[in-house]
Amino acid sequence: MDGIRVRRAPRHDIDRLRGTWTHTDTFSTPAGEELTMVHRLAIVPVDEVLAALRGAGFQHVMSYKNWASTAPEPPDGSRIIAVGCRAAGKTMAPGETGR
């Protein structure tokens, strides 16, 4: 970076009890300057995502392993791709959950 050597030290912490994954990047220079960036992400089980879609009024909810999949199959962990349909013209008011 502008001729300054920067070292990046990534770290991952998984808290299964709270359902979070924390990614921490620490950047440092030989002069001792340091910057830390923390990103916290939720860990949501696939079954909860699919159930939430059904609860919001979607029908025929299916999951796919990747964008190239031509038939429904369980996700492989790298991403969740879910599709469903809702009756034409069905809308929900703000705050409505579809339950």
PDB file of N, CA and C in Angstrom:
ATOM      1  N   MET A   1       0.847  -1.156   0.000  1.00  0.00           N
ATOM      2  CA  MET A   1       0.000   0.000   0.000  1.00  0.00           C
ATOM      3  C   MET A   1       0.903   1.232   0.000  1.00  0.00           C
ATOM      4  N   ASP A   2       0.952   1.958  -1.075  1.00  0.00           N
ATOM      5  CA  ASP A   2       1.834   3.126  -1.206  1.00  0.00           C
ATOM      6  C   ASP A   2       3.266   2.790  -0.828  1.00  0.00           C
ATOM      7  N   GLY A   3       3.729   1.595  -1.161  1.00  0.00           N
ATOM      8  CA  GLY A   3       5.088   1.186  -0.859  1.00  0.00           C
ATOM      9  C   GLY A   3       5.311   0.704   0.561  1.00  0.00           C
ATOM     10  N   ILE A   4       4.254   0.693   1.382  1.00  0.00           N
ATOM     11  CA  ILE A   4       4.367   0.225   2.768  1.00  0.00           C
ATOM     12  C   ILE A   4       3.914  -1.229   2.824  1.00  0.00           C
ATOM     13  N   ARG A   5       4.712  -2.049   3.428  1.00  0.00           N
ATOM     14  CA  ARG A   5       4.370  -3.461   3.565  1.00  0.00           C
ATOM     15  C   ARG A   5       3.309  -3.603   4.670  1.00  0.00           C
ATOM     16  N   VAL A   6       2.196  -4.256   4.331  1.00  0.00           N
ATOM     17  CA  VAL A   6       1.098  -4.459   5.279  1.00  0.00           C
ATOM     18  C   VAL A   6       0.885  -5.949   5.456  1.00  0.00           C
ATOM     19  N   ARG A   7       0.787  -6.367   6.716  1.00  0.00           N
ATOM     20  CA  ARG A   7       0.549  -7.783   7.028  1.00  0.00           C
ATOM     21  C   ARG A   7      -0.908  -7.936   7.450  1.00  0.00           C
ATOM     22  N   ARG A   8      -1.585  -8.946   6.877  1.00  0.00           N
ATOM     23  CA  ARG A   8      -2.977  -9.244   7.214  1.00  0.00           C
ATOM     24  C   ARG A   8      -3.009 -10.555   7.980  1.00  0.00           C
ATOM     25  N   ALA A   9      -3.667 -10.545   9.138  1.00  0.00           N
ATOM     26  CA  ALA A   9      -3.816 -11.762   9.944  1.00  0.00           C
ATOM     27  C   ALA A   9      -5.309 -12.000  10.172  1.00  0.00           C
ATOM     28  N   PRO A  10      -5.928 -12.912   9.387  1.00  0.00           N
ATOM     29  CA  PRO A  10      -7.349 -13.196   9.574  1.00  0.00           C
ATOM     30  C   PRO A  10      -7.571 -14.215  10.695  1.00  0.00           C
ATOM     31  N   ARG A  11      -8.726 -14.126  11.336  1.00  0.00           N
ATOM     32  CA  ARG A  11      -9.091 -15.093  12.378  1.00  0.00           C
ATOM     33  C   ARG A  11     -10.593 -15.330  12.304  1.00  0.00           C
ATOM     34  N   HIS A  12     -10.998 -16.570  12.562  1.00  0.00           N
ATOM     35  CA  HIS A  12     -12.420 -16.928  12.568  1.00  0.00           C
ATOM     36  C   HIS A  12     -12.779 -17.549  13.904  1.00  0.00           C
ATOM     37  N   ASP A  13     -13.892 -17.098  14.462  1.00  0.00           N
ATOM     38  CA  ASP A  13     -14.408 -17.653  15.709  1.00  0.00           C
ATOM     39  C   ASP A  13     -15.863 -18.033  15.495  1.00  0.00           C
ATOM     40  N   ILE A  14     -16.197 -19.271  15.830  1.00  0.00           N
ATOM     41  CA  ILE A  14     -17.566 -19.748  15.692  1.00  0.00           C
ATOM     42  C   ILE A  14     -18.145 -19.959  17.080  1.00  0.00           C
ATOM     43  N   ASP A  15     -19.284 -19.326  17.331  1.00  0.00           N
ATOM     44  CA  ASP A  15     -19.997 -19.479  18.597  1.00  0.00           C
ATOM     45  C   ASP A  15     -21.296 -20.211  18.300  1.00  0.00           C
ATOM     46  N   ARG A  16     -21.276 -21.511  18.476  1.00  0.00           N
ATOM     47  CA  ARG A  16     -22.450 -22.324  18.145  1.00  0.00           C
ATOM     48  C   ARG A  16     -23.641 -22.014  19.052  1.00  0.00           C
ATOM     49  N   LEU A  17     -23.379 -21.674  20.291  1.00  0.00           N
ATOM     50  CA  LEU A  17     -24.456 -21.374  21.233  1.00  0.00           C
ATOM     51  C   LEU A  17     -25.229 -20.126  20.798  1.00  0.00           C
ATOM     52  N   ARG A  18     -24.515 -19.100  20.366  1.00  0.00           N
ATOM     53  CA  ARG A  18     -25.164 -17.860  19.927  1.00  0.00           C
ATOM     54  C   ARG A  18     -25.489 -17.857  18.434  1.00  0.00           C
ATOM     55  N   GLY A  19     -24.974 -18.838  17.701  1.00  0.00           N
ATOM     56  CA  GLY A  19     -25.232 -18.924  16.266  1.00  0.00           C
ATOM     57  C   GLY A  19     -24.548 -17.819  15.482  1.00  0.00           C
ATOM     58  N   THR A  20     -23.292 -17.516  15.861  1.00  0.00           N
ATOM     59  CA  THR A  20     -22.569 -16.470  15.143  1.00  0.00           C
ATOM     60  C   THR A  20     -21.209 -16.961  14.663  1.00  0.00           C
ATOM     61  N   TRP A  21     -20.765 -16.358  13.577  1.00  0.00           N
ATOM     62  CA  TRP A  21     -19.434 -16.582  13.035  1.00  0.00           C
ATOM     63  C   TRP A  21     -18.798 -15.203  12.966  1.00  0.00           C
ATOM     64  N   THR A  22     -17.669 -15.032  13.631  1.00  0.00           N
ATOM     65  CA  THR A  22     -16.987 -13.744  13.652  1.00  0.00           C
ATOM     66  C   THR A  22     -15.688 -13.851  12.858  1.00  0.00           C
ATOM     67  N   HIS A  23     -15.566 -12.989  11.863  1.00  0.00           N
ATOM     68  CA  HIS A  23     -14.355 -12.915  11.033  1.00  0.00           C
ATOM     69  C   HIS A  23     -13.623 -11.645  11.459  1.00  0.00           C
ATOM     70  N   THR A  24     -12.382 -11.791  11.908  1.00  0.00           N
ATOM     71  CA  THR A  24     -11.574 -10.650  12.341  1.00  0.00           C
ATOM     72  C   THR A  24     -10.335 -10.556  11.468  1.00  0.00           C
ATOM     73  N   ASP A  25     -10.114  -9.394  10.882  1.00  0.00           N
ATOM     74  CA  ASP A  25      -8.909  -9.104  10.110  1.00  0.00           C
ATOM     75  C   ASP A  25      -8.088  -8.095  10.896  1.00  0.00           C
ATOM     76  N   THR A  26      -6.826  -8.422  11.132  1.00  0.00           N
ATOM     77  CA  THR A  26      -5.913  -7.469  11.752  1.00  0.00           C
ATOM     78  C   THR A  26      -4.832  -7.137  10.735  1.00  0.00           C
ATOM     79  N   PHE A  27      -4.677  -5.850  10.456  1.00  0.00           N
ATOM     80  CA  PHE A  27      -3.682  -5.369   9.518  1.00  0.00           C
ATOM     81  C   PHE A  27      -2.610  -4.635  10.314  1.00  0.00           C
ATOM     82  N   SER A  28      -1.336  -4.899  10.003  1.00  0.00           N
ATOM     83  CA  SER A  28      -0.261  -4.219  10.725  1.00  0.00           C
ATOM     84  C   SER A  28       0.882  -3.873   9.769  1.00  0.00           C
ATOM     85  N   THR A  29       1.636  -2.853  10.167  1.00  0.00           N
ATOM     86  CA  THR A  29       2.803  -2.424   9.393  1.00  0.00           C
ATOM     87  C   THR A  29       4.047  -2.645  10.237  1.00  0.00           C
ATOM     88  N   PRO A  30       5.224  -2.673   9.614  1.00  0.00           N
ATOM     89  CA  PRO A  30       6.466  -2.817  10.376  1.00  0.00           C
ATOM     90  C   PRO A  30       6.660  -1.694  11.405  1.00  0.00           C
ATOM     91  N   ALA A  31       6.020  -0.533  11.168  1.00  0.00           N
ATOM     92  CA  ALA A  31       6.157   0.596  12.095  1.00  0.00           C
ATOM     93  C   ALA A  31       5.280   0.424  13.338  1.00  0.00           C
ATOM     94  N   GLY A  32       4.494  -0.651  13.386  1.00  0.00           N
ATOM     95  CA  GLY A  32       3.660  -0.895  14.554  1.00  0.00           C
ATOM     96  C   GLY A  32       2.236  -0.382  14.440  1.00  0.00           C
ATOM     97  N   GLU A  33       1.894   0.221  13.313  1.00  0.00           N
ATOM     98  CA  GLU A  33       0.511   0.662  13.117  1.00  0.00           C
ATOM     99  C   GLU A  33      -0.373  -0.570  12.964  1.00  0.00           C
ATOM    100  N   GLU A  34      -1.580  -0.516  13.538  1.00  0.00           N
ATOM    101  CA  GLU A  34      -2.461  -1.682  13.485  1.00  0.00           C
ATOM    102  C   GLU A  34      -3.906  -1.229  13.305  1.00  0.00           C
ATOM    103  N   LEU A  35      -4.636  -1.993  12.521  1.00  0.00           N
ATOM    104  CA  LEU A  35      -6.054  -1.758  12.281  1.00  0.00           C
ATOM    105  C   LEU A  35      -6.750  -3.099  12.356  1.00  0.00           C
ATOM    106  N   THR A  36      -7.858  -3.146  13.081  1.00  0.00           N
ATOM    107  CA  THR A  36      -8.633  -4.376  13.198  1.00  0.00           C
ATOM    108  C   THR A  36     -10.039  -4.130  12.683  1.00  0.00           C
ATOM    109  N   MET A  37     -10.522  -5.045  11.853  1.00  0.00           N
ATOM    110  CA  MET A  37     -11.895  -4.994  11.335  1.00  0.00           C
ATOM    111  C   MET A  37     -12.596  -6.282  11.736  1.00  0.00           C
ATOM    112  N   VAL A  38     -13.794  -6.145  12.296  1.00  0.00           N
ATOM    113  CA  VAL A  38     -14.554  -7.300  12.775  1.00  0.00           C
ATOM    114  C   VAL A  38     -15.880  -7.364  12.025  1.00  0.00           C
ATOM    115  N   HIS A  39     -16.205  -8.549  11.520  1.00  0.00           N
ATOM    116  CA  HIS A  39     -17.471  -8.794  10.812  1.00  0.00           C
ATOM    117  C   HIS A  39     -18.166  -9.955  11.511  1.00  0.00           C
ATOM    118  N   ARG A  40     -19.359  -9.715  12.042  1.00  0.00           N
ATOM    119  CA  ARG A  40     -20.127 -10.786  12.692  1.00  0.00           C
ATOM    120  C   ARG A  40     -21.273 -11.194  11.774  1.00  0.00           C
ATOM    121  N   LEU A  41     -21.399 -12.489  11.580  1.00  0.00           N
ATOM    122  CA  LEU A  41     -22.417 -13.034  10.692  1.00  0.00           C
ATOM    123  C   LEU A  41     -23.263 -14.046  11.451  1.00  0.00           C
ATOM    124  N   ALA A  42     -24.524 -14.124  11.100  1.00  0.00           N
ATOM    125  CA  ALA A  42     -25.411 -15.104  11.726  1.00  0.00           C
ATOM    126  C   ALA A  42     -25.244 -16.455  11.044  1.00  0.00           C
ATOM    127  N   ILE A  43     -25.316 -17.488  11.843  1.00  0.00           N
ATOM    128  CA  ILE A  43     -25.340 -18.849  11.304  1.00  0.00           C
ATOM    129  C   ILE A  43     -26.791 -19.315  11.423  1.00  0.00           C
ATOM    130  N   VAL A  44     -27.440 -19.481  10.278  1.00  0.00           N
ATOM    131  CA  VAL A  44     -28.848 -19.857  10.267  1.00  0.00           C
ATOM    132  C   VAL A  44     -28.983 -21.209   9.567  1.00  0.00           C
ATOM    133  N   PRO A  45     -29.524 -22.207  10.269  1.00  0.00           N
ATOM    134  CA  PRO A  45     -29.703 -23.520   9.635  1.00  0.00           C
ATOM    135  C   PRO A  45     -30.631 -23.434   8.421  1.00  0.00           C
ATOM    136  N   VAL A  46     -30.339 -24.214   7.417  1.00  0.00           N
ATOM    137  CA  VAL A  46     -31.120 -24.231   6.185  1.00  0.00           C
ATOM    138  C   VAL A  46     -32.595 -24.482   6.481  1.00  0.00           C
ATOM    139  N   ASP A  47     -32.889 -25.411   7.382  1.00  0.00           N
ATOM    140  CA  ASP A  47     -34.289 -25.716   7.696  1.00  0.00           C
ATOM    141  C   ASP A  47     -35.028 -24.484   8.210  1.00  0.00           C
ATOM    142  N   GLU A  48     -34.345 -23.608   8.972  1.00  0.00           N
ATOM    143  CA  GLU A  48     -34.978 -22.387   9.470  1.00  0.00           C
ATOM    144  C   GLU A  48     -35.266 -21.410   8.337  1.00  0.00           C
ATOM    145  N   VAL A  49     -34.355 -21.310   7.397  1.00  0.00           N
ATOM    146  CA  VAL A  49     -34.558 -20.420   6.252  1.00  0.00           C
ATOM    147  C   VAL A  49     -35.766 -20.890   5.437  1.00  0.00           C
ATOM    148  N   LEU A  50     -35.828 -22.184   5.153  1.00  0.00           N
ATOM    149  CA  LEU A  50     -36.935 -22.725   4.364  1.00  0.00           C
ATOM    150  C   LEU A  50     -38.256 -22.590   5.119  1.00  0.00           C
ATOM    151  N   ALA A  51     -38.240 -22.831   6.424  1.00  0.00           N
ATOM    152  CA  ALA A  51     -39.453 -22.690   7.240  1.00  0.00           C
ATOM    153  C   ALA A  51     -39.918 -21.230   7.273  1.00  0.00           C
ATOM    154  N   ALA A  52     -38.985 -20.293   7.335  1.00  0.00           N
ATOM    155  CA  ALA A  52     -39.349 -18.870   7.344  1.00  0.00           C
ATOM    156  C   ALA A  52     -40.019 -18.483   6.024  1.00  0.00           C
ATOM    157  N   LEU A  53     -39.526 -19.017   4.916  1.00  0.00           N
ATOM    158  CA  LEU A  53     -40.157 -18.737   3.622  1.00  0.00           C
ATOM    159  C   LEU A  53     -41.577 -19.288   3.585  1.00  0.00           C
ATOM    160  N   ARG A  54     -41.746 -20.509   4.071  1.00  0.00           N
ATOM    161  CA  ARG A  54     -43.094 -21.095   4.124  1.00  0.00           C
ATOM    162  C   ARG A  54     -43.990 -20.267   5.041  1.00  0.00           C
ATOM    163  N   GLY A  55     -43.448 -19.849   6.181  1.00  0.00           N
ATOM    164  CA  GLY A  55     -44.215 -19.042   7.131  1.00  0.00           C
ATOM    165  C   GLY A  55     -44.613 -17.691   6.570  1.00  0.00           C
ATOM    166  N   ALA A  56     -43.852 -17.197   5.599  1.00  0.00           N
ATOM    167  CA  ALA A  56     -44.160 -15.919   4.964  1.00  0.00           C
ATOM    168  C   ALA A  56     -45.142 -16.075   3.807  1.00  0.00           C
ATOM    169  N   GLY A  57     -45.647 -17.293   3.617  1.00  0.00           N
ATOM    170  CA  GLY A  57     -46.662 -17.511   2.595  1.00  0.00           C
ATOM    171  C   GLY A  57     -46.171 -18.096   1.291  1.00  0.00           C
ATOM    172  N   PHE A  58     -44.899 -18.447   1.205  1.00  0.00           N
ATOM    173  CA  PHE A  58     -44.400 -19.062  -0.027  1.00  0.00           C
ATOM    174  C   PHE A  58     -44.765 -20.544  -0.033  1.00  0.00           C
ATOM    175  N   GLN A  59     -45.072 -21.056  -1.218  1.00  0.00           N
ATOM    176  CA  GLN A  59     -45.394 -22.477  -1.382  1.00  0.00           C
ATOM    177  C   GLN A  59     -44.356 -23.118  -2.286  1.00  0.00           C
ATOM    178  N   HIS A  60     -44.324 -24.423  -2.260  1.00  0.00           N
ATOM    179  CA  HIS A  60     -43.403 -25.188  -3.107  1.00  0.00           C
ATOM    180  C   HIS A  60     -41.955 -24.711  -2.906  1.00  0.00           C
ATOM    181  N   VAL A  61     -41.574 -24.504  -1.657  1.00  0.00           N
ATOM    182  CA  VAL A  61     -40.225 -24.032  -1.342  1.00  0.00           C
ATOM    183  C   VAL A  61     -39.236 -25.178  -1.548  1.00  0.00           C
ATOM    184  N   MET A  62     -38.207 -24.918  -2.333  1.00  0.00           N
ATOM    185  CA  MET A  62     -37.205 -25.935  -2.638  1.00  0.00           C
ATOM    186  C   MET A  62     -35.821 -25.314  -2.521  1.00  0.00           C
ATOM    187  N   SER A  63     -34.824 -26.146  -2.255  1.00  0.00           N
ATOM    188  CA  SER A  63     -33.450 -25.662  -2.195  1.00  0.00           C
ATOM    189  C   SER A  63     -32.631 -26.303  -3.307  1.00  0.00           C
ATOM    190  N   TYR A  64     -31.588 -25.592  -3.693  1.00  0.00           N
ATOM    191  CA  TYR A  64     -30.691 -26.055  -4.752  1.00  0.00           C
ATOM    192  C   TYR A  64     -29.254 -25.953  -4.264  1.00  0.00           C
ATOM    193  N   LYS A  65     -28.403 -26.841  -4.726  1.00  0.00           N
ATOM    194  CA  LYS A  65     -27.005 -26.885  -4.292  1.00  0.00           C
ATOM    195  C   LYS A  65     -26.184 -25.729  -4.851  1.00  0.00           C
ATOM    196  N   ASN A  66     -26.436 -25.351  -6.107  1.00  0.00           N
ATOM    197  CA  ASN A  66     -25.685 -24.259  -6.737  1.00  0.00           C
ATOM    198  C   ASN A  66     -26.493 -23.696  -7.897  1.00  0.00           C
ATOM    199  N   TRP A  67     -25.978 -22.632  -8.502  1.00  0.00           N
ATOM    200  CA  TRP A  67     -26.710 -21.962  -9.580  1.00  0.00           C
ATOM    201  C   TRP A  67     -26.890 -22.856 -10.809  1.00  0.00           C
ATOM    202  N   ALA A  68     -26.018 -23.832 -11.010  1.00  0.00           N
ATOM    203  CA  ALA A  68     -26.106 -24.701 -12.182  1.00  0.00           C
ATOM    204  C   ALA A  68     -27.063 -25.881 -11.971  1.00  0.00           C
ATOM    205  N   SER A  69     -27.548 -26.082 -10.753  1.00  0.00           N
ATOM    206  CA  SER A  69     -28.436 -27.219 -10.469  1.00  0.00           C
ATOM    207  C   SER A  69     -29.710 -27.121 -11.297  1.00  0.00           C
ATOM    208  N   THR A  70     -30.143 -28.267 -11.824  1.00  0.00           N
ATOM    209  CA  THR A  70     -31.379 -28.304 -12.610  1.00  0.00           C
ATOM    210  C   THR A  70     -32.499 -29.021 -11.867  1.00  0.00           C
ATOM    211  N   ALA A  71     -32.193 -29.531 -10.684  1.00  0.00           N
ATOM    212  CA  ALA A  71     -33.205 -30.205  -9.869  1.00  0.00           C
ATOM    213  C   ALA A  71     -32.951 -29.855  -8.402  1.00  0.00           C
ATOM    214  N   PRO A  72     -34.012 -29.805  -7.590  1.00  0.00           N
ATOM    215  CA  PRO A  72     -33.829 -29.500  -6.174  1.00  0.00           C
ATOM    216  C   PRO A  72     -32.918 -30.518  -5.498  1.00  0.00           C
ATOM    217  N   GLU A  73     -32.080 -30.030  -4.592  1.00  0.00           N
ATOM    218  CA  GLU A  73     -31.226 -30.898  -3.793  1.00  0.00           C
ATOM    219  C   GLU A  73     -30.773 -30.109  -2.568  1.00  0.00           C
ATOM    220  N   PRO A  74     -30.385 -30.806  -1.507  1.00  0.00           N
ATOM    221  CA  PRO A  74     -29.953 -30.095  -0.302  1.00  0.00           C
ATOM    222  C   PRO A  74     -28.713 -29.256  -0.564  1.00  0.00           C
ATOM    223  N   PRO A  75     -28.630 -28.076   0.065  1.00  0.00           N
ATOM    224  CA  PRO A  75     -27.431 -27.251  -0.084  1.00  0.00           C
ATOM    225  C   PRO A  75     -26.204 -28.001   0.436  1.00  0.00           C
ATOM    226  N   ASP A  76     -25.025 -27.658  -0.118  1.00  0.00           N
ATOM    227  CA  ASP A  76     -23.798 -28.342   0.305  1.00  0.00           C
ATOM    228  C   ASP A  76     -23.008 -27.541   1.334  1.00  0.00           C
ATOM    229  N   GLY A  77     -23.567 -26.437   1.809  1.00  0.00           N
ATOM    230  CA  GLY A  77     -22.910 -25.661   2.841  1.00  0.00           C
ATOM    231  C   GLY A  77     -22.270 -24.384   2.358  1.00  0.00           C
ATOM    232  N   SER A  78     -21.956 -24.281   1.078  1.00  0.00           N
ATOM    233  CA  SER A  78     -21.295 -23.061   0.619  1.00  0.00           C
ATOM    234  C   SER A  78     -22.277 -21.909   0.429  1.00  0.00           C
ATOM    235  N   ARG A  79     -23.531 -22.218   0.201  1.00  0.00           N
ATOM    236  CA  ARG A  79     -24.564 -21.187   0.041  1.00  0.00           C
ATOM    237  C   ARG A  79     -25.935 -21.819   0.167  1.00  0.00           C
ATOM    238  N   ILE A  80     -26.931 -20.985   0.379  1.00  0.00           N
ATOM    239  CA  ILE A  80     -28.318 -21.450   0.420  1.00  0.00           C
ATOM    240  C   ILE A  80     -29.029 -20.815  -0.762  1.00  0.00           C
ATOM    241  N   ILE A  81     -29.536 -21.625  -1.652  1.00  0.00           N
ATOM    242  CA  ILE A  81     -30.336 -21.140  -2.764  1.00  0.00           C
ATOM    243  C   ILE A  81     -31.717 -21.750  -2.589  1.00  0.00           C
ATOM    244  N   ALA A  82     -32.696 -20.898  -2.329  1.00  0.00           N
ATOM    245  CA  ALA A  82     -34.055 -21.382  -2.092  1.00  0.00           C
ATOM    246  C   ALA A  82     -35.009 -20.650  -3.016  1.00  0.00           C
ATOM    247  N   VAL A  83     -35.976 -21.374  -3.537  1.00  0.00           N
ATOM    248  CA  VAL A  83     -37.000 -20.775  -4.386  1.00  0.00           C
ATOM    249  C   VAL A  83     -38.364 -21.219  -3.891  1.00  0.00           C
ATOM    250  N   GLY A  84     -39.347 -20.405  -4.162  1.00  0.00           N
ATOM    251  CA  GLY A  84     -40.721 -20.718  -3.804  1.00  0.00           C
ATOM    252  C   GLY A  84     -41.623 -19.820  -4.617  1.00  0.00           C
ATOM    253  N   CYS A  85     -42.913 -20.013  -4.489  1.00  0.00           N
ATOM    254  CA  CYS A  85     -43.847 -19.153  -5.216  1.00  0.00           C
ATOM    255  C   CYS A  85     -44.952 -18.707  -4.273  1.00  0.00           C
ATOM    256  N   ARG A  86     -45.540 -17.600  -4.614  1.00  0.00           N
ATOM    257  CA  ARG A  86     -46.640 -17.049  -3.840  1.00  0.00           C
ATOM    258  C   ARG A  86     -47.771 -16.773  -4.816  1.00  0.00           C
ATOM    259  N   ALA A  87     -49.000 -16.942  -4.370  1.00  0.00           N
ATOM    260  CA  ALA A  87     -50.148 -16.731  -5.240  1.00  0.00           C
ATOM    261  C   ALA A  87     -50.105 -15.325  -5.834  1.00  0.00           C
ATOM    262  N   ALA A  88     -50.455 -15.200  -7.098  1.00  0.00           N
ATOM    263  CA  ALA A  88     -50.448 -13.909  -7.783  1.00  0.00           C
ATOM    264  C   ALA A  88     -51.313 -12.908  -7.034  1.00  0.00           C
ATOM    265  N   GLY A  89     -50.806 -11.698  -6.895  1.00  0.00           N
ATOM    266  CA  GLY A  89     -51.565 -10.636  -6.254  1.00  0.00           C
ATOM    267  C   GLY A  89     -51.528 -10.650  -4.740  1.00  0.00           C
ATOM    268  N   LYS A  90     -50.918 -11.673  -4.135  1.00  0.00           N
ATOM    269  CA  LYS A  90     -50.862 -11.721  -2.672  1.00  0.00           C
ATOM    270  C   LYS A  90     -49.750 -10.806  -2.200  1.00  0.00           C
ATOM    271  N   THR A  91     -50.120  -9.833  -1.414  1.00  0.00           N
ATOM    272  CA  THR A  91     -49.136  -8.929  -0.838  1.00  0.00           C
ATOM    273  C   THR A  91     -49.299  -8.942   0.673  1.00  0.00           C
ATOM    274  N   MET A  92     -48.304  -8.476   1.363  1.00  0.00           N
ATOM    275  CA  MET A  92     -48.351  -8.442   2.818  1.00  0.00           C
ATOM    276  C   MET A  92     -48.169  -7.009   3.277  1.00  0.00           C
ATOM    277  N   ALA A  93     -48.867  -6.660   4.328  1.00  0.00           N
ATOM    278  CA  ALA A  93     -48.725  -5.334   4.928  1.00  0.00           C
ATOM    279  C   ALA A  93     -47.401  -5.279   5.671  1.00  0.00           C
ATOM    280  N   PRO A  94     -46.837  -4.076   5.850  1.00  0.00           N
ATOM    281  CA  PRO A  94     -45.589  -3.966   6.616  1.00  0.00           C
ATOM    282  C   PRO A  94     -45.753  -4.590   7.999  1.00  0.00           C
ATOM    283  N   GLY A  95     -44.803  -5.425   8.379  1.00  0.00           N
ATOM    284  CA  GLY A  95     -44.849  -6.086   9.682  1.00  0.00           C
ATOM    285  C   GLY A  95     -45.601  -7.394   9.689  1.00  0.00           C
ATOM    286  N   GLU A  96     -46.371  -7.697   8.645  1.00  0.00           N
ATOM    287  CA  GLU A  96     -47.117  -8.956   8.557  1.00  0.00           C
ATOM    288  C   GLU A  96     -46.154 -10.097   8.290  1.00  0.00           C
ATOM    289  N   THR A  97     -46.347 -11.233   8.968  1.00  0.00           N
ATOM    290  CA  THR A  97     -45.431 -12.368   8.811  1.00  0.00           C
ATOM    291  C   THR A  97     -45.990 -13.460   7.929  1.00  0.00           C
ATOM    292  N   GLY A  98     -47.257 -13.404   7.573  1.00  0.00           N
ATOM    293  CA  GLY A  98     -47.833 -14.445   6.729  1.00  0.00           C
ATOM    294  C   GLY A  98     -48.294 -15.653   7.504  1.00  0.00           C
ATOM    295  N   ARG A  99     -48.271 -15.561   8.812  1.00  0.00           N
ATOM    296  CA  ARG A  99     -48.694 -16.703   9.630  1.00  0.00           C
ATOM    297  C   ARG A  99     -50.120 -16.566  10.065  1.00  0.00           C
TER     298      ARG A  99
END
